[in-house]
Amino acid sequence: MIGFKKWYLFLTIGFFLSVPYSQSLKSLPKNMPIHTKILWGEKGIIRKINLAPETRQKELLLRVKMLQLHQKIAMGSLGAFFYQSYLGQQLVNGNYEEYYDLHSKMSKVVWSAYMTSAALSYFAPPGLKYSKKINSMKIHRLLSWVHFAGMASIPFLGYNISKSNDYDKAVRLHQNVAYMTLFTMSLSALLTFLPY
């Protein structure tokens, strides 16, 4: 299956070499995700500010590189997030002095790695086609909005723990959002191993 995908990519890139760039833009997938259309559509922001590569072939190669890097950083941030969750549980268990600084430092590492990975995915050029059917990649993209919202709110919820009048409630909220985010990230990662 992997060999077929690479072969298909090379054939498609070869096709785009023989087609003028203005025409190849007309072959952009019609059902791109909305954020991709806003950024990379025929009149997308990246095209308007002249940041797009000169050819569709170079866009596809850039997409492959960005998504491969996205996968690597995402897996690293997922592993770091599991460790971060362990540190958080140690704080809840009362080991505050021993784990607080490490939990605080790791939160910056996890958050930065996650956001870098997300940016690589969200800002990648459009693919060759997007299926209208429900498949593993479509579910992966839908889950990404859930764990992105969770990751965006976790630092705020953590900061609010020390400011809250109800410490236990603030900790539970922070912990529940973190676990939901970790679960959806893990499920999203597992879906990338399924055929689509």
Protein backbone atom coordinates (compact mmCIF):
# COMPACT_ATOMS: atom_id res chain seq x y z
CA MET A 1 0.00 0.00 0.00
CA ILE A 2 2.80 2.45 0.88
CA GLY A 3 4.55 1.65 -2.41
CA PHE A 4 1.37 2.43 -4.34
CA LYS A 5 0.96 5.79 -2.60
CA LYS A 6 4.55 6.80 -3.44
CA TRP A 7 4.12 5.64 -7.04
CA TYR A 8 0.87 7.62 -7.32
CA LEU A 9 2.58 10.71 -5.86
CA PHE A 10 5.44 10.51 -8.38
CA LEU A 11 3.01 10.08 -11.30
CA THR A 12 0.96 13.03 -10.13
CA ILE A 13 4.01 15.24 -9.64
CA GLY A 14 5.16 14.25 -13.13
CA PHE A 15 1.76 15.32 -14.47
CA PHE A 16 2.06 18.72 -12.76
CA LEU A 17 5.48 19.23 -14.37
CA SER A 18 3.80 19.18 -17.78
CA VAL A 19 0.92 21.52 -16.85
CA PRO A 20 1.29 25.33 -16.57
CA TYR A 21 1.02 26.49 -12.93
CA SER A 22 -2.10 28.61 -13.52
CA GLN A 23 -3.87 25.56 -14.96
CA SER A 24 -2.65 23.24 -12.21
CA LEU A 25 -4.20 25.60 -9.63
CA LYS A 26 -7.56 24.98 -11.26
CA SER A 27 -7.07 21.31 -10.39
CA LEU A 28 -6.95 22.04 -6.66
CA PRO A 29 -9.32 19.75 -4.78
CA LYS A 30 -12.78 21.31 -4.47
CA ASN A 31 -13.52 19.87 -1.05
CA MET A 32 -10.42 21.07 0.81
CA PRO A 33 -10.82 21.66 4.55
CA ILE A 34 -11.96 25.26 5.11
CA HIS A 35 -8.71 26.39 6.74
CA THR A 36 -6.73 24.96 3.80
CA LYS A 37 -9.00 26.72 1.30
CA ILE A 38 -8.58 30.05 3.13
CA LEU A 39 -4.80 29.66 3.10
CA TRP A 40 -4.12 27.78 -0.15
CA GLY A 41 -7.19 28.13 -2.39
CA GLU A 42 -6.79 29.83 -5.79
CA LYS A 43 -7.26 33.18 -4.01
CA GLY A 44 -5.88 31.98 -0.67
CA ILE A 45 -3.92 34.17 1.72
CA ILE A 46 -0.60 32.42 1.09
CA ARG A 47 -0.97 32.95 -2.67
CA LYS A 48 -1.97 36.59 -2.25
CA ILE A 49 1.12 37.40 -0.17
CA ASN A 50 3.35 35.43 -2.59
CA LEU A 51 4.58 32.83 -0.10
CA ALA A 52 3.40 29.85 -2.17
CA PRO A 53 6.03 27.82 -4.03
CA GLU A 54 6.31 28.56 -7.76
CA THR A 55 4.73 25.29 -8.89
CA ARG A 56 2.08 22.87 -7.68
CA GLN A 57 4.76 20.15 -7.75
CA LYS A 58 6.82 22.10 -5.21
CA GLU A 59 3.69 22.60 -3.11
CA LEU A 60 3.13 18.84 -2.99
CA LEU A 61 6.75 18.22 -2.02
CA LEU A 62 6.50 20.90 0.68
CA ARG A 63 3.30 19.25 1.92
CA VAL A 64 5.02 15.87 2.24
CA LYS A 65 7.94 17.38 4.18
CA MET A 66 5.68 19.40 6.47
CA LEU A 67 3.41 16.44 7.26
CA GLN A 68 6.33 14.09 7.90
CA LEU A 69 7.81 16.62 10.33
CA HIS A 70 4.34 17.08 11.84
CA GLN A 71 4.15 13.34 12.55
CA LYS A 72 7.58 13.20 14.18
CA ILE A 73 7.03 16.22 16.43
CA ALA A 74 3.48 15.08 17.27
CA MET A 75 4.71 11.67 18.45
CA GLY A 76 7.39 13.37 20.56
CA SER A 77 4.89 15.78 22.08
CA LEU A 78 2.49 12.91 22.80
CA GLY A 79 5.20 11.02 24.69
CA ALA A 80 6.15 14.17 26.60
CA PHE A 81 2.46 14.78 27.36
CA PHE A 82 2.14 11.31 28.93
CA TYR A 83 5.10 12.15 31.16
CA GLN A 84 3.57 15.55 31.93
CA SER A 85 0.35 13.81 33.01
CA TYR A 86 2.36 11.58 35.34
CA LEU A 87 3.98 14.68 36.88
CA GLY A 88 0.56 16.30 37.30
CA GLN A 89 -0.72 13.22 39.09
CA GLN A 90 2.27 13.39 41.44
CA LEU A 91 1.27 16.97 42.32
CA VAL A 92 -2.29 15.85 43.01
CA ASN A 93 -0.91 13.05 45.21
CA GLY A 94 0.81 15.65 47.39
CA ASN A 95 4.38 15.58 46.03
CA TYR A 96 4.19 19.31 45.36
CA GLU A 97 7.71 20.43 46.31
CA GLU A 98 9.40 17.62 44.40
CA TYR A 99 7.46 17.90 41.11
CA TYR A 100 6.08 21.44 40.77
CA ASP A 101 9.08 22.99 38.96
CA LEU A 102 9.48 20.03 36.61
CA HIS A 103 5.74 20.02 35.83
CA SER A 104 5.90 23.74 35.08
CA LYS A 105 8.94 23.38 32.79
CA MET A 106 7.55 20.34 31.01
CA SER A 107 4.28 22.15 30.33
CA LYS A 108 6.19 24.68 28.21
CA VAL A 109 7.99 21.91 26.32
CA VAL A 110 4.77 19.96 25.64
CA TRP A 111 2.79 23.04 24.66
CA SER A 112 5.51 24.37 22.32
CA ALA A 113 6.06 21.00 20.63
CA TYR A 114 2.31 20.49 20.22
CA MET A 115 1.74 23.94 18.69
CA THR A 116 4.70 23.51 16.33
CA SER A 117 3.29 20.18 15.18
CA ALA A 118 -0.20 21.65 14.78
CA ALA A 119 1.13 24.58 12.74
CA LEU A 120 2.96 22.21 10.37
CA SER A 121 -0.29 20.36 9.74
CA TYR A 122 -2.68 23.30 9.51
CA PHE A 123 -0.42 25.39 7.28
CA ALA A 124 0.57 22.56 4.90
CA PRO A 125 -0.38 23.00 1.22
CA PRO A 126 -3.44 21.10 -0.02
CA GLY A 127 -3.22 17.45 -0.93
CA LEU A 128 -4.09 15.89 -4.26
CA LYS A 129 -7.62 15.01 -3.21
CA TYR A 130 -9.86 14.86 -0.17
CA SER A 131 -12.37 12.08 0.21
CA LYS A 132 -15.97 12.96 0.98
CA LYS A 133 -16.35 9.65 2.84
CA ILE A 134 -15.69 9.22 6.52
CA ASN A 135 -12.20 7.74 6.85
CA SER A 136 -9.40 7.60 9.40
CA MET A 137 -7.79 10.86 8.20
CA LYS A 138 -11.07 12.75 8.34
CA ILE A 139 -11.63 11.56 11.92
CA HIS A 140 -7.99 12.45 12.66
CA ARG A 141 -8.64 16.02 11.46
CA LEU A 142 -11.89 16.30 13.44
CA LEU A 143 -10.18 15.09 16.61
CA SER A 144 -7.41 17.62 16.03
CA TRP A 145 -9.88 20.46 16.64
CA VAL A 146 -10.85 18.86 19.96
CA HIS A 147 -7.31 18.34 21.24
CA PHE A 148 -6.23 21.74 19.90
CA ALA A 149 -8.97 23.39 21.99
CA GLY A 150 -7.87 21.35 24.99
CA MET A 151 -4.20 22.19 24.55
CA ALA A 152 -5.04 25.88 24.12
CA SER A 153 -6.99 25.92 27.40
CA ILE A 154 -4.76 23.73 29.61
CA PRO A 155 -2.19 26.46 30.47
CA PHE A 156 -4.97 28.90 31.39
CA LEU A 157 -6.67 26.28 33.58
CA GLY A 158 -3.35 25.44 35.25
CA TYR A 159 -2.67 29.09 35.96
CA ASN A 160 -6.15 29.48 37.46
CA ILE A 161 -5.54 26.73 40.02
CA SER A 162 -3.52 29.07 42.24
CA LYS A 163 -6.07 31.89 41.81
CA SER A 164 -9.20 29.81 42.42
CA ASN A 165 -11.36 29.98 45.53
CA ASP A 166 -12.13 26.27 45.09
CA TYR A 167 -8.72 24.60 44.69
CA ASP A 168 -10.04 21.03 44.31
CA LYS A 169 -12.56 22.02 41.64
CA ALA A 170 -9.90 23.94 39.68
CA VAL A 171 -7.51 20.99 39.84
CA ARG A 172 -10.23 18.55 38.69
CA LEU A 173 -11.15 20.79 35.76
CA HIS A 174 -7.50 21.17 34.70
CA GLN A 175 -6.96 17.42 35.06
CA ASN A 176 -10.13 16.44 33.18
CA VAL A 177 -9.35 18.73 30.25
CA ALA A 178 -5.76 17.42 30.19
CA TYR A 179 -6.93 13.78 30.17
CA MET A 180 -9.51 14.48 27.44
CA THR A 181 -6.80 16.19 25.40
CA LEU A 182 -4.36 13.33 25.93
CA PHE A 183 -7.03 10.76 25.00
CA THR A 184 -8.03 12.54 21.77
CA MET A 185 -4.35 13.06 20.85
CA SER A 186 -3.65 9.35 21.41
CA LEU A 187 -6.67 8.29 19.37
CA SER A 188 -5.70 10.73 16.64
CA ALA A 189 -2.17 9.27 16.55
CA LEU A 190 -3.50 5.70 16.36
CA LEU A 191 -5.72 6.62 13.40
CA THR A 192 -2.67 7.58 11.34
CA PHE A 193 -1.64 3.91 11.29
CA LEU A 194 -4.93 2.82 9.70
CA PRO A 195 -5.47 2.77 5.92
CA TYR A 196 -7.40 5.74 4.58
